[in-house]
């Protein structure tokens, strides 16, 4: 039985994604500080934050709600990474690495959502 959200592999991988996003965006142009840099960082932080908040809630329905928000935020991160690459801020190798991590976290989120939906029915 999982006692803490910190034990969830999906949360751990989402935290790793946040760290990667912060490291990559350090190299973004200064004029993007309050634009794309801020947006992708906030979306990335939202993923593990919503996993944690949902886990701490009292019901499976609420947990699923917050996991859906986390998945939406992950979609934002993916979009912003693509934009960063197209704008020349992220090289192709880094975009591939981040995209792979996003897919990994998304798959794990999907698996958790699927497992929890069985409880609600």
PDB file of N, CA and C in Angstrom:
ATOM      1  N   UNK A   1       0.844  -1.198   0.000  1.00  0.00           N
ATOM      2  CA  UNK A   1       0.000   0.000   0.000  1.00  0.00           C
ATOM      3  C   UNK A   1       0.881   1.250   0.000  1.00  0.00           C
ATOM      4  N   UNK A   2       0.552   2.175  -0.868  1.00  0.00           N
ATOM      5  CA  UNK A   2       1.281   3.435  -0.977  1.00  0.00           C
ATOM      6  C   UNK A   2       0.823   4.358   0.157  1.00  0.00           C
ATOM      7  N   UNK A   3       1.760   4.785   0.979  1.00  0.00           N
ATOM      8  CA  UNK A   3       1.423   5.662   2.107  1.00  0.00           C
ATOM      9  C   UNK A   3       1.617   7.135   1.766  1.00  0.00           C
ATOM     10  N   UNK A   4       2.547   7.407   0.873  1.00  0.00           N
ATOM     11  CA  UNK A   4       2.866   8.785   0.519  1.00  0.00           C
ATOM     12  C   UNK A   4       2.967   8.923  -0.995  1.00  0.00           C
ATOM     13  N   UNK A   5       2.543  10.056  -1.500  1.00  0.00           N
ATOM     14  CA  UNK A   5       2.676  10.318  -2.939  1.00  0.00           C
ATOM     15  C   UNK A   5       4.128  10.234  -3.389  1.00  0.00           C
ATOM     16  N   UNK A   6       5.063  10.471  -2.457  1.00  0.00           N
ATOM     17  CA  UNK A   6       6.485  10.418  -2.797  1.00  0.00           C
ATOM     18  C   UNK A   6       6.940   9.009  -3.173  1.00  0.00           C
ATOM     19  N   UNK A   7       6.157   8.015  -2.803  1.00  0.00           N
ATOM     20  CA  UNK A   7       6.465   6.629  -3.172  1.00  0.00           C
ATOM     21  C   UNK A   7       6.003   6.288  -4.582  1.00  0.00           C
ATOM     22  N   UNK A   8       5.151   7.118  -5.163  1.00  0.00           N
ATOM     23  CA  UNK A   8       4.633   6.869  -6.508  1.00  0.00           C
ATOM     24  C   UNK A   8       5.719   7.121  -7.552  1.00  0.00           C
ATOM     25  N   UNK A   9       5.964   6.139  -8.373  1.00  0.00           N
ATOM     26  CA  UNK A   9       6.994   6.286  -9.418  1.00  0.00           C
ATOM     27  C   UNK A   9       6.625   7.413 -10.387  1.00  0.00           C
ATOM     28  N   UNK A  10       5.341   7.564 -10.694  1.00  0.00           N
ATOM     29  CA  UNK A  10       4.917   8.619 -11.602  1.00  0.00           C
ATOM     30  C   UNK A  10       5.249   9.997 -11.022  1.00  0.00           C
ATOM     31  N   UNK A  11       5.073  10.160  -9.724  1.00  0.00           N
ATOM     32  CA  UNK A  11       5.420  11.439  -9.085  1.00  0.00           C
ATOM     33  C   UNK A  11       6.929  11.660  -9.160  1.00  0.00           C
ATOM     34  N   UNK A  12       7.714  10.621  -8.886  1.00  0.00           N
ATOM     35  CA  UNK A  12       9.175  10.720  -8.929  1.00  0.00           C
ATOM     36  C   UNK A  12       9.665  11.098 -10.329  1.00  0.00           C
ATOM     37  N   UNK A  13       9.086  10.466 -11.352  1.00  0.00           N
ATOM     38  CA  UNK A  13       9.487  10.777 -12.730  1.00  0.00           C
ATOM     39  C   UNK A  13       9.027  12.177 -13.139  1.00  0.00           C
ATOM     40  N   UNK A  14       7.879  12.601 -12.636  1.00  0.00           N
ATOM     41  CA  UNK A  14       7.404  13.960 -12.917  1.00  0.00           C
ATOM     42  C   UNK A  14       8.334  14.995 -12.279  1.00  0.00           C
ATOM     43  N   UNK A  15       8.832  14.696 -11.082  1.00  0.00           N
ATOM     44  CA  UNK A  15       9.803  15.581 -10.430  1.00  0.00           C
ATOM     45  C   UNK A  15      11.079  15.657 -11.273  1.00  0.00           C
ATOM     46  N   UNK A  16      11.521  14.511 -11.788  1.00  0.00           N
ATOM     47  CA  UNK A  16      12.703  14.496 -12.663  1.00  0.00           C
ATOM     48  C   UNK A  16      12.470  15.347 -13.908  1.00  0.00           C
ATOM     49  N   UNK A  17      11.264  15.294 -14.454  1.00  0.00           N
ATOM     50  CA  UNK A  17      10.926  16.113 -15.619  1.00  0.00           C
ATOM     51  C   UNK A  17      11.026  17.599 -15.278  1.00  0.00           C
ATOM     52  N   UNK A  18      10.517  17.979 -14.116  1.00  0.00           N
ATOM     53  CA  UNK A  18      10.598  19.387 -13.692  1.00  0.00           C
ATOM     54  C   UNK A  18      12.059  19.834 -13.633  1.00  0.00           C
ATOM     55  N   UNK A  19      12.896  19.007 -13.039  1.00  0.00           N
ATOM     56  CA  UNK A  19      14.323  19.327 -12.936  1.00  0.00           C
ATOM     57  C   UNK A  19      14.932  19.517 -14.324  1.00  0.00           C
ATOM     58  N   UNK A  20      14.602  18.605 -15.241  1.00  0.00           N
ATOM     59  CA  UNK A  20      15.106  18.715 -16.614  1.00  0.00           C
ATOM     60  C   UNK A  20      14.632  20.008 -17.280  1.00  0.00           C
ATOM     61  N   UNK A  21      13.359  20.330 -17.104  1.00  0.00           N
ATOM     62  CA  UNK A  21      12.792  21.550 -17.710  1.00  0.00           C
ATOM     63  C   UNK A  21      13.499  22.789 -17.160  1.00  0.00           C
ATOM     64  N   UNK A  22      13.716  22.828 -15.861  1.00  0.00           N
ATOM     65  CA  UNK A  22      14.407  23.980 -15.275  1.00  0.00           C
ATOM     66  C   UNK A  22      15.821  24.109 -15.833  1.00  0.00           C
ATOM     67  N   UNK A  23      16.526  22.999 -15.961  1.00  0.00           N
ATOM     68  CA  UNK A  23      17.897  23.043 -16.485  1.00  0.00           C
ATOM     69  C   UNK A  23      17.917  23.512 -17.938  1.00  0.00           C
ATOM     70  N   UNK A  24      17.000  22.994 -18.751  1.00  0.00           N
ATOM     71  CA  UNK A  24      16.960  23.362 -20.169  1.00  0.00           C
ATOM     72  C   UNK A  24      16.580  24.830 -20.343  1.00  0.00           C
ATOM     73  N   UNK A  25      15.622  25.306 -19.564  1.00  0.00           N
ATOM     74  CA  UNK A  25      15.155  26.683 -19.742  1.00  0.00           C
ATOM     75  C   UNK A  25      16.123  27.724 -19.192  1.00  0.00           C
ATOM     76  N   UNK A  26      17.131  27.301 -18.452  1.00  0.00           N
ATOM     77  CA  UNK A  26      18.174  28.254 -18.028  1.00  0.00           C
ATOM     78  C   UNK A  26      18.885  28.866 -19.234  1.00  0.00           C
ATOM     79  N   UNK A  27      18.862  28.149 -20.343  1.00  0.00           N
ATOM     80  CA  UNK A  27      19.530  28.613 -21.554  1.00  0.00           C
ATOM     81  C   UNK A  27      18.613  29.384 -22.500  1.00  0.00           C
ATOM     82  N   UNK A  28      17.353  29.548 -22.136  1.00  0.00           N
ATOM     83  CA  UNK A  28      16.441  30.325 -22.972  1.00  0.00           C
ATOM     84  C   UNK A  28      16.851  31.801 -22.936  1.00  0.00           C
ATOM     85  N   UNK A  29      16.525  32.549 -23.985  1.00  0.00           N
ATOM     86  CA  UNK A  29      16.858  33.990 -23.993  1.00  0.00           C
ATOM     87  C   UNK A  29      16.191  34.726 -22.832  1.00  0.00           C
ATOM     88  N   UNK A  30      16.851  35.766 -22.373  1.00  0.00           N
ATOM     89  CA  UNK A  30      16.333  36.556 -21.242  1.00  0.00           C
ATOM     90  C   UNK A  30      14.948  37.137 -21.537  1.00  0.00           C
ATOM     91  N   UNK A  31      14.692  37.497 -22.811  1.00  0.00           N
ATOM     92  CA  UNK A  31      13.383  38.082 -23.134  1.00  0.00           C
ATOM     93  C   UNK A  31      12.241  37.071 -22.962  1.00  0.00           C
ATOM     94  N   UNK A  32      12.563  35.787 -22.816  1.00  0.00           N
ATOM     95  CA  UNK A  32      11.546  34.760 -22.592  1.00  0.00           C
ATOM     96  C   UNK A  32      11.292  34.492 -21.107  1.00  0.00           C
ATOM     97  N   UNK A  33      12.000  35.189 -20.222  1.00  0.00           N
ATOM     98  CA  UNK A  33      11.879  34.943 -18.785  1.00  0.00           C
ATOM     99  C   UNK A  33      10.421  34.971 -18.317  1.00  0.00           C
ATOM    100  N   UNK A  34       9.653  35.926 -18.804  1.00  0.00           N
ATOM    101  CA  UNK A  34       8.254  36.040 -18.380  1.00  0.00           C
ATOM    102  C   UNK A  34       7.295  35.515 -19.445  1.00  0.00           C
ATOM    103  N   UNK A  35       7.844  34.847 -20.432  1.00  0.00           N
ATOM    104  CA  UNK A  35       7.046  34.238 -21.494  1.00  0.00           C
ATOM    105  C   UNK A  35       7.138  32.731 -21.429  1.00  0.00           C
ATOM    106  N   UNK A  36       7.771  32.160 -22.426  1.00  0.00           N
ATOM    107  CA  UNK A  36       7.837  30.711 -22.555  1.00  0.00           C
ATOM    108  C   UNK A  36       8.559  30.046 -21.381  1.00  0.00           C
ATOM    109  N   UNK A  37       9.618  30.661 -20.885  1.00  0.00           N
ATOM    110  CA  UNK A  37      10.348  30.068 -19.751  1.00  0.00           C
ATOM    111  C   UNK A  37       9.427  29.887 -18.555  1.00  0.00           C
ATOM    112  N   UNK A  38       8.745  30.947 -18.184  1.00  0.00           N
ATOM    113  CA  UNK A  38       7.838  30.894 -17.035  1.00  0.00           C
ATOM    114  C   UNK A  38       6.702  29.908 -17.280  1.00  0.00           C
ATOM    115  N   UNK A  39       6.155  29.925 -18.483  1.00  0.00           N
ATOM    116  CA  UNK A  39       4.998  29.088 -18.790  1.00  0.00           C
ATOM    117  C   UNK A  39       5.339  27.597 -18.725  1.00  0.00           C
ATOM    118  N   UNK A  40       6.454  27.203 -19.340  1.00  0.00           N
ATOM    119  CA  UNK A  40       6.803  25.783 -19.351  1.00  0.00           C
ATOM    120  C   UNK A  40       7.211  25.310 -17.953  1.00  0.00           C
ATOM    121  N   UNK A  41       7.851  26.175 -17.197  1.00  0.00           N
ATOM    122  CA  UNK A  41       8.221  25.801 -15.826  1.00  0.00           C
ATOM    123  C   UNK A  41       6.981  25.597 -14.963  1.00  0.00           C
ATOM    124  N   UNK A  42       6.028  26.517 -15.077  1.00  0.00           N
ATOM    125  CA  UNK A  42       4.823  26.401 -14.256  1.00  0.00           C
ATOM    126  C   UNK A  42       3.993  25.179 -14.642  1.00  0.00           C
ATOM    127  N   UNK A  43       3.917  24.901 -15.936  1.00  0.00           N
ATOM    128  CA  UNK A  43       3.182  23.715 -16.386  1.00  0.00           C
ATOM    129  C   UNK A  43       3.870  22.447 -15.890  1.00  0.00           C
ATOM    130  N   UNK A  44       5.207  22.415 -15.948  1.00  0.00           N
ATOM    131  CA  UNK A  44       5.948  21.245 -15.485  1.00  0.00           C
ATOM    132  C   UNK A  44       5.744  21.033 -13.989  1.00  0.00           C
ATOM    133  N   UNK A  45       5.818  22.086 -13.204  1.00  0.00           N
ATOM    134  CA  UNK A  45       5.624  21.985 -11.753  1.00  0.00           C
ATOM    135  C   UNK A  45       4.205  21.515 -11.432  1.00  0.00           C
ATOM    136  N   UNK A  46       3.262  21.876 -12.266  1.00  0.00           N
ATOM    137  CA  UNK A  46       1.875  21.488 -12.050  1.00  0.00           C
ATOM    138  C   UNK A  46       1.670  19.973 -12.095  1.00  0.00           C
ATOM    139  N   UNK A  47       2.490  19.269 -12.868  1.00  0.00           N
ATOM    140  CA  UNK A  47       2.291  17.823 -13.016  1.00  0.00           C
ATOM    141  C   UNK A  47       2.486  17.095 -11.683  1.00  0.00           C
ATOM    142  N   UNK A  48       3.677  17.129 -11.066  1.00  0.00           N
ATOM    143  CA  UNK A  48       3.817  16.415  -9.791  1.00  0.00           C
ATOM    144  C   UNK A  48       2.986  17.045  -8.669  1.00  0.00           C
ATOM    145  N   UNK A  49       2.764  18.350  -8.745  1.00  0.00           N
ATOM    146  CA  UNK A  49       1.964  19.016  -7.710  1.00  0.00           C
ATOM    147  C   UNK A  49       0.533  18.484  -7.695  1.00  0.00           C
ATOM    148  N   UNK A  50      -0.057  18.299  -8.865  1.00  0.00           N
ATOM    149  CA  UNK A  50      -1.428  17.785  -8.920  1.00  0.00           C
ATOM    150  C   UNK A  50      -1.501  16.301  -8.593  1.00  0.00           C
ATOM    151  N   UNK A  51      -0.451  15.550  -8.927  1.00  0.00           N
ATOM    152  CA  UNK A  51      -0.403  14.148  -8.506  1.00  0.00           C
ATOM    153  C   UNK A  51      -0.407  14.090  -6.980  1.00  0.00           C
ATOM    154  N   UNK A  52       0.419  14.921  -6.361  1.00  0.00           N
ATOM    155  CA  UNK A  52       0.506  14.955  -4.903  1.00  0.00           C
ATOM    156  C   UNK A  52      -0.805  15.417  -4.278  1.00  0.00           C
ATOM    157  N   UNK A  53      -1.373  16.496  -4.803  1.00  0.00           N
ATOM    158  CA  UNK A  53      -2.612  17.014  -4.222  1.00  0.00           C
ATOM    159  C   UNK A  53      -3.739  15.992  -4.339  1.00  0.00           C
ATOM    160  N   UNK A  54      -3.854  15.361  -5.494  1.00  0.00           N
ATOM    161  CA  UNK A  54      -4.889  14.357  -5.672  1.00  0.00           C
ATOM    162  C   UNK A  54      -4.729  13.185  -4.719  1.00  0.00           C
ATOM    163  N   UNK A  55      -3.494  12.767  -4.521  1.00  0.00           N
ATOM    164  CA  UNK A  55      -3.228  11.644  -3.614  1.00  0.00           C
ATOM    165  C   UNK A  55      -3.631  11.983  -2.186  1.00  0.00           C
ATOM    166  N   UNK A  56      -3.478  13.228  -1.811  1.00  0.00           N
ATOM    167  CA  UNK A  56      -3.781  13.656  -0.443  1.00  0.00           C
ATOM    168  C   UNK A  56      -5.277  13.883  -0.210  1.00  0.00           C
ATOM    169  N   UNK A  57      -6.048  13.930  -1.283  1.00  0.00           N
ATOM    170  CA  UNK A  57      -7.491  14.138  -1.147  1.00  0.00           C
ATOM    171  C   UNK A  57      -8.158  12.892  -0.587  1.00  0.00           C
ATOM    172  N   UNK A  58      -9.361  13.058  -0.122  1.00  0.00           N
ATOM    173  CA  UNK A  58     -10.042  11.971   0.566  1.00  0.00           C
ATOM    174  C   UNK A  58     -10.764  10.967  -0.299  1.00  0.00           C
ATOM    175  N   UNK A  59     -10.892  11.219  -1.585  1.00  0.00           N
ATOM    176  CA  UNK A  59     -11.679  10.290  -2.398  1.00  0.00           C
ATOM    177  C   UNK A  59     -10.981   9.969  -3.714  1.00  0.00           C
ATOM    178  N   UNK A  60     -11.336   8.823  -4.253  1.00  0.00           N
ATOM    179  CA  UNK A  60     -10.783   8.398  -5.539  1.00  0.00           C
ATOM    180  C   UNK A  60     -11.244   9.329  -6.648  1.00  0.00           C
ATOM    181  N   UNK A  61     -12.485   9.790  -6.586  1.00  0.00           N
ATOM    182  CA  UNK A  61     -12.984  10.727  -7.615  1.00  0.00           C
ATOM    183  C   UNK A  61     -12.159  12.014  -7.637  1.00  0.00           C
ATOM    184  N   UNK A  62     -11.841  12.534  -6.469  1.00  0.00           N
ATOM    185  CA  UNK A  62     -11.024  13.746  -6.412  1.00  0.00           C
ATOM    186  C   UNK A  62      -9.617  13.464  -6.928  1.00  0.00           C
ATOM    187  N   UNK A  63      -9.075  12.326  -6.579  1.00  0.00           N
ATOM    188  CA  UNK A  63      -7.752  11.920  -7.057  1.00  0.00           C
ATOM    189  C   UNK A  63      -7.744  11.894  -8.584  1.00  0.00           C
ATOM    190  N   UNK A  64      -8.764  11.282  -9.173  1.00  0.00           N
ATOM    191  CA  UNK A  64      -8.864  11.230 -10.636  1.00  0.00           C
ATOM    192  C   UNK A  64      -8.958  12.628 -11.243  1.00  0.00           C
ATOM    193  N   UNK A  65      -9.691  13.502 -10.587  1.00  0.00           N
ATOM    194  CA  UNK A  65      -9.810  14.888 -11.065  1.00  0.00           C
ATOM    195  C   UNK A  65      -8.435  15.553 -11.142  1.00  0.00           C
ATOM    196  N   UNK A  66      -7.641  15.419 -10.086  1.00  0.00           N
ATOM    197  CA  UNK A  66      -6.324  16.047 -10.070  1.00  0.00           C
ATOM    198  C   UNK A  66      -5.346  15.363 -11.024  1.00  0.00           C
ATOM    199  N   UNK A  67      -5.499  14.071 -11.224  1.00  0.00           N
ATOM    200  CA  UNK A  67      -4.660  13.380 -12.208  1.00  0.00           C
ATOM    201  C   UNK A  67      -4.991  13.851 -13.619  1.00  0.00           C
ATOM    202  N   UNK A  68      -6.253  14.162 -13.863  1.00  0.00           N
ATOM    203  CA  UNK A  68      -6.644  14.714 -15.170  1.00  0.00           C
ATOM    204  C   UNK A  68      -6.002  16.086 -15.381  1.00  0.00           C
ATOM    205  N   UNK A  69      -5.948  16.884 -14.335  1.00  0.00           N
ATOM    206  CA  UNK A  69      -5.285  18.190 -14.433  1.00  0.00           C
ATOM    207  C   UNK A  69      -3.794  17.990 -14.709  1.00  0.00           C
ATOM    208  N   UNK A  70      -3.184  17.031 -14.016  1.00  0.00           N
ATOM    209  CA  UNK A  70      -1.761  16.735 -14.233  1.00  0.00           C
ATOM    210  C   UNK A  70      -1.519  16.335 -15.689  1.00  0.00           C
ATOM    211  N   UNK A  71      -2.411  15.523 -16.241  1.00  0.00           N
ATOM    212  CA  UNK A  71      -2.255  15.100 -17.633  1.00  0.00           C
ATOM    213  C   UNK A  71      -2.401  16.287 -18.583  1.00  0.00           C
ATOM    214  N   UNK A  72      -3.326  17.186 -18.279  1.00  0.00           N
ATOM    215  CA  UNK A  72      -3.473  18.396 -19.086  1.00  0.00           C
ATOM    216  C   UNK A  72      -2.223  19.259 -19.039  1.00  0.00           C
ATOM    217  N   UNK A  73      -1.642  19.399 -17.862  1.00  0.00           N
ATOM    218  CA  UNK A  73      -0.408  20.170 -17.711  1.00  0.00           C
ATOM    219  C   UNK A  73       0.736  19.520 -18.478  1.00  0.00           C
ATOM    220  N   UNK A  74       0.755  18.204 -18.502  1.00  0.00           N
ATOM    221  CA  UNK A  74       1.783  17.492 -19.252  1.00  0.00           C
ATOM    222  C   UNK A  74       1.655  17.792 -20.743  1.00  0.00           C
ATOM    223  N   UNK A  75       0.424  17.909 -21.225  1.00  0.00           N
ATOM    224  CA  UNK A  75       0.194  18.312 -22.614  1.00  0.00           C
ATOM    225  C   UNK A  75       0.717  19.713 -22.891  1.00  0.00           C
ATOM    226  N   UNK A  76       0.551  20.604 -21.926  1.00  0.00           N
ATOM    227  CA  UNK A  76       1.109  21.960 -22.053  1.00  0.00           C
ATOM    228  C   UNK A  76       2.622  21.906 -22.164  1.00  0.00           C
ATOM    229  N   UNK A  77       3.249  21.113 -21.304  1.00  0.00           N
ATOM    230  CA  UNK A  77       4.718  20.998 -21.324  1.00  0.00           C
ATOM    231  C   UNK A  77       5.176  20.488 -22.682  1.00  0.00           C
ATOM    232  N   UNK A  78       4.501  19.471 -23.191  1.00  0.00           N
ATOM    233  CA  UNK A  78       4.879  18.908 -24.495  1.00  0.00           C
ATOM    234  C   UNK A  78       4.792  19.965 -25.592  1.00  0.00           C
ATOM    235  N   UNK A  79       3.700  20.719 -25.589  1.00  0.00           N
ATOM    236  CA  UNK A  79       3.513  21.784 -26.573  1.00  0.00           C
ATOM    237  C   UNK A  79       4.608  22.839 -26.460  1.00  0.00           C
ATOM    238  N   UNK A  80       4.941  23.226 -25.256  1.00  0.00           N
ATOM    239  CA  UNK A  80       5.933  24.272 -25.034  1.00  0.00           C
ATOM    240  C   UNK A  80       7.340  23.798 -25.376  1.00  0.00           C
ATOM    241  N   UNK A  81       7.629  22.519 -25.182  1.00  0.00           N
ATOM    242  CA  UNK A  81       8.922  21.964 -25.582  1.00  0.00           C
ATOM    243  C   UNK A  81       9.030  21.998 -27.112  1.00  0.00           C
ATOM    244  N   UNK A  82       7.949  21.640 -27.796  1.00  0.00           N
ATOM    245  CA  UNK A  82       7.938  21.706 -29.266  1.00  0.00           C
ATOM    246  C   UNK A  82       8.170  23.148 -29.723  1.00  0.00           C
ATOM    247  N   UNK A  83       7.484  24.087 -29.093  1.00  0.00           N
ATOM    248  CA  UNK A  83       7.682  25.510 -29.428  1.00  0.00           C
ATOM    249  C   UNK A  83       9.125  25.947 -29.176  1.00  0.00           C
ATOM    250  N   UNK A  84       9.669  25.526 -28.037  1.00  0.00           N
ATOM    251  CA  UNK A  84      11.056  25.863 -27.727  1.00  0.00           C
ATOM    252  C   UNK A  84      12.018  25.357 -28.784  1.00  0.00           C
ATOM    253  N   UNK A  85      11.755  24.174 -29.292  1.00  0.00           N
ATOM    254  CA  UNK A  85      12.595  23.616 -30.358  1.00  0.00           C
ATOM    255  C   UNK A  85      12.421  24.413 -31.646  1.00  0.00           C
ATOM    256  N   UNK A  86      11.175  24.681 -32.014  1.00  0.00           N
ATOM    257  CA  UNK A  86      10.911  25.422 -33.266  1.00  0.00           C
ATOM    258  C   UNK A  86      11.476  26.833 -33.234  1.00  0.00           C
ATOM    259  N   UNK A  87      11.528  27.411 -32.051  1.00  0.00           N
ATOM    260  CA  UNK A  87      12.090  28.759 -31.916  1.00  0.00           C
ATOM    261  C   UNK A  87      13.614  28.746 -31.799  1.00  0.00           C
ATOM    262  N   UNK A  88      14.190  27.554 -31.766  1.00  0.00           N
ATOM    263  CA  UNK A  88      15.648  27.436 -31.706  1.00  0.00           C
ATOM    264  C   UNK A  88      16.226  27.503 -30.306  1.00  0.00           C
ATOM    265  N   UNK A  89      15.399  27.384 -29.284  1.00  0.00           N
ATOM    266  CA  UNK A  89      15.880  27.441 -27.905  1.00  0.00           C
ATOM    267  C   UNK A  89      16.285  26.066 -27.378  1.00  0.00           C
ATOM    268  N   UNK A  90      15.736  25.009 -27.999  1.00  0.00           N
ATOM    269  CA  UNK A  90      16.006  23.637 -27.576  1.00  0.00           C
ATOM    270  C   UNK A  90      16.518  22.869 -28.798  1.00  0.00           C
ATOM    271  N   UNK A  91      17.664  22.219 -28.653  1.00  0.00           N
ATOM    272  CA  UNK A  91      18.198  21.446 -29.783  1.00  0.00           C
ATOM    273  C   UNK A  91      17.406  20.146 -29.946  1.00  0.00           C
ATOM    274  N   UNK A  92      17.571  19.502 -31.097  1.00  0.00           N
ATOM    275  CA  UNK A  92      16.787  18.310 -31.440  1.00  0.00           C
ATOM    276  C   UNK A  92      17.007  17.170 -30.452  1.00  0.00           C
ATOM    277  N   UNK A  93      18.237  16.976 -30.015  1.00  0.00           N
ATOM    278  CA  UNK A  93      18.541  15.889 -29.074  1.00  0.00           C
ATOM    279  C   UNK A  93      17.834  16.109 -27.733  1.00  0.00           C
ATOM    280  N   UNK A  94      17.869  17.341 -27.262  1.00  0.00           N
ATOM    281  CA  UNK A  94      17.213  17.663 -25.996  1.00  0.00           C
ATOM    282  C   UNK A  94      15.705  17.559 -26.126  1.00  0.00           C
ATOM    283  N   UNK A  95      15.162  18.005 -27.258  1.00  0.00           N
ATOM    284  CA  UNK A  95      13.716  17.874 -27.470  1.00  0.00           C
ATOM    285  C   UNK A  95      13.315  16.401 -27.436  1.00  0.00           C
ATOM    286  N   UNK A  96      14.088  15.548 -28.069  1.00  0.00           N
ATOM    287  CA  UNK A  96      13.795  14.106 -28.089  1.00  0.00           C
ATOM    288  C   UNK A  96      13.837  13.535 -26.673  1.00  0.00           C
ATOM    289  N   UNK A  97      14.858  13.906 -25.920  1.00  0.00           N
ATOM    290  CA  UNK A  97      14.998  13.416 -24.542  1.00  0.00           C
ATOM    291  C   UNK A  97      13.806  13.858 -23.690  1.00  0.00           C
ATOM    292  N   UNK A  98      13.427  15.135 -23.802  1.00  0.00           N
ATOM    293  CA  UNK A  98      12.289  15.642 -23.034  1.00  0.00           C
ATOM    294  C   UNK A  98      10.981  14.990 -23.488  1.00  0.00           C
ATOM    295  N   UNK A  99      10.824  14.827 -24.796  1.00  0.00           N
ATOM    296  CA  UNK A  99       9.611  14.195 -25.327  1.00  0.00           C
ATOM    297  C   UNK A  99       9.481  12.760 -24.840  1.00  0.00           C
ATOM    298  N   UNK A 100      10.606  12.039 -24.796  1.00  0.00           N
ATOM    299  CA  UNK A 100      10.583  10.670 -24.278  1.00  0.00           C
ATOM    300  C   UNK A 100      10.166  10.646 -22.812  1.00  0.00           C
ATOM    301  N   UNK A 101      10.688  11.586 -22.038  1.00  0.00           N
ATOM    302  CA  UNK A 101      10.335  11.665 -20.613  1.00  0.00           C
ATOM    303  C   UNK A 101       8.850  12.021 -20.461  1.00  0.00           C
ATOM    304  N   UNK A 102       8.360  12.925 -21.286  1.00  0.00           N
ATOM    305  CA  UNK A 102       6.947  13.307 -21.248  1.00  0.00           C
ATOM    306  C   UNK A 102       6.067  12.108 -21.573  1.00  0.00           C
ATOM    307  N   UNK A 103       6.447  11.335 -22.589  1.00  0.00           N
ATOM    308  CA  UNK A 103       5.699  10.132 -22.944  1.00  0.00           C
ATOM    309  C   UNK A 103       5.705   9.116 -21.806  1.00  0.00           C
ATOM    310  N   UNK A 104       6.847   8.982 -21.153  1.00  0.00           N
ATOM    311  CA  UNK A 104       6.966   8.052 -20.033  1.00  0.00           C
ATOM    312  C   UNK A 104       6.030   8.459 -18.901  1.00  0.00           C
ATOM    313  N   UNK A 105       6.076   9.721 -18.513  1.00  0.00           N
ATOM    314  CA  UNK A 105       5.214  10.213 -17.436  1.00  0.00           C
ATOM    315  C   UNK A 105       3.741  10.097 -17.850  1.00  0.00           C
ATOM    316  N   UNK A 106       3.441  10.422 -19.093  1.00  0.00           N
ATOM    317  CA  UNK A 106       2.065  10.313 -19.579  1.00  0.00           C
ATOM    318  C   UNK A 106       1.546   8.886 -19.533  1.00  0.00           C
ATOM    319  N   UNK A 107       2.388   7.940 -19.914  1.00  0.00           N
ATOM    320  CA  UNK A 107       1.992   6.535 -19.848  1.00  0.00           C
ATOM    321  C   UNK A 107       1.735   6.081 -18.428  1.00  0.00           C
ATOM    322  N   UNK A 108       2.592   6.521 -17.524  1.00  0.00           N
ATOM    323  CA  UNK A 108       2.420   6.165 -16.118  1.00  0.00           C
ATOM    324  C   UNK A 108       1.151   6.800 -15.544  1.00  0.00           C
ATOM    325  N   UNK A 109       0.905   8.042 -15.911  1.00  0.00           N
ATOM    326  CA  UNK A 109      -0.325   8.713 -15.462  1.00  0.00           C
ATOM    327  C   UNK A 109      -1.545   7.979 -15.987  1.00  0.00           C
ATOM    328  N   UNK A 110      -1.501   7.613 -17.263  1.00  0.00           N
ATOM    329  CA  UNK A 110      -2.617   6.881 -17.861  1.00  0.00           C
ATOM    330  C   UNK A 110      -2.875   5.560 -17.151  1.00  0.00           C
ATOM    331  N   UNK A 111      -1.809   4.860 -16.800  1.00  0.00           N
ATOM    332  CA  UNK A 111      -1.958   3.597 -16.077  1.00  0.00           C
ATOM    333  C   UNK A 111      -2.568   3.786 -14.707  1.00  0.00           C
ATOM    334  N   UNK A 112      -2.139   4.832 -14.015  1.00  0.00           N
ATOM    335  CA  UNK A 112      -2.690   5.114 -12.686  1.00  0.00           C
ATOM    336  C   UNK A 112      -4.168   5.494 -12.791  1.00  0.00           C
ATOM    337  N   UNK A 113      -4.487   6.322 -13.763  1.00  0.00           N
ATOM    338  CA  UNK A 113      -5.887   6.729 -13.968  1.00  0.00           C
ATOM    339  C   UNK A 113      -6.751   5.506 -14.266  1.00  0.00           C
ATOM    340  N   UNK A 114      -6.275   4.650 -15.133  1.00  0.00           N
ATOM    341  CA  UNK A 114      -7.023   3.433 -15.484  1.00  0.00           C
ATOM    342  C   UNK A 114      -7.254   2.557 -14.249  1.00  0.00           C
ATOM    343  N   UNK A 115      -6.223   2.386 -13.443  1.00  0.00           N
ATOM    344  CA  UNK A 115      -6.339   1.555 -12.231  1.00  0.00           C
ATOM    345  C   UNK A 115      -7.338   2.168 -11.250  1.00  0.00           C
ATOM    346  N   UNK A 116      -7.329   3.490 -11.119  1.00  0.00           N
ATOM    347  CA  UNK A 116      -8.237   4.139 -10.175  1.00  0.00           C
ATOM    348  C   UNK A 116      -9.680   4.151 -10.669  1.00  0.00           C
ATOM    349  N   UNK A 117      -9.863   4.225 -11.970  1.00  0.00           N
ATOM    350  CA  UNK A 117     -11.236   4.223 -12.519  1.00  0.00           C
ATOM    351  C   UNK A 117     -11.977   2.937 -12.175  1.00  0.00           C
ATOM    352  N   UNK A 118     -11.243   1.843 -12.074  1.00  0.00           N
ATOM    353  CA  UNK A 118     -11.860   0.566 -11.714  1.00  0.00           C
ATOM    354  C   UNK A 118     -12.486   0.655 -10.316  1.00  0.00           C
ATOM    355  N   UNK A 119     -11.847   1.403  -9.427  1.00  0.00           N
ATOM    356  CA  UNK A 119     -12.373   1.560  -8.065  1.00  0.00           C
ATOM    357  C   UNK A 119     -13.660   2.355  -8.015  1.00  0.00           C
ATOM    358  N   UNK A 120     -13.820   3.286  -8.957  1.00  0.00           N
ATOM    359  CA  UNK A 120     -14.956   4.196  -8.948  1.00  0.00           C
ATOM    360  C   UNK A 120     -16.213   3.507  -9.484  1.00  0.00           C
ATOM    361  N   UNK A 121     -16.048   2.549 -10.360  1.00  0.00           N
ATOM    362  CA  UNK A 121     -17.214   1.900 -10.982  1.00  0.00           C
ATOM    363  C   UNK A 121     -17.943   0.996 -10.049  1.00  0.00           C
TER     364      UNK A 121
END
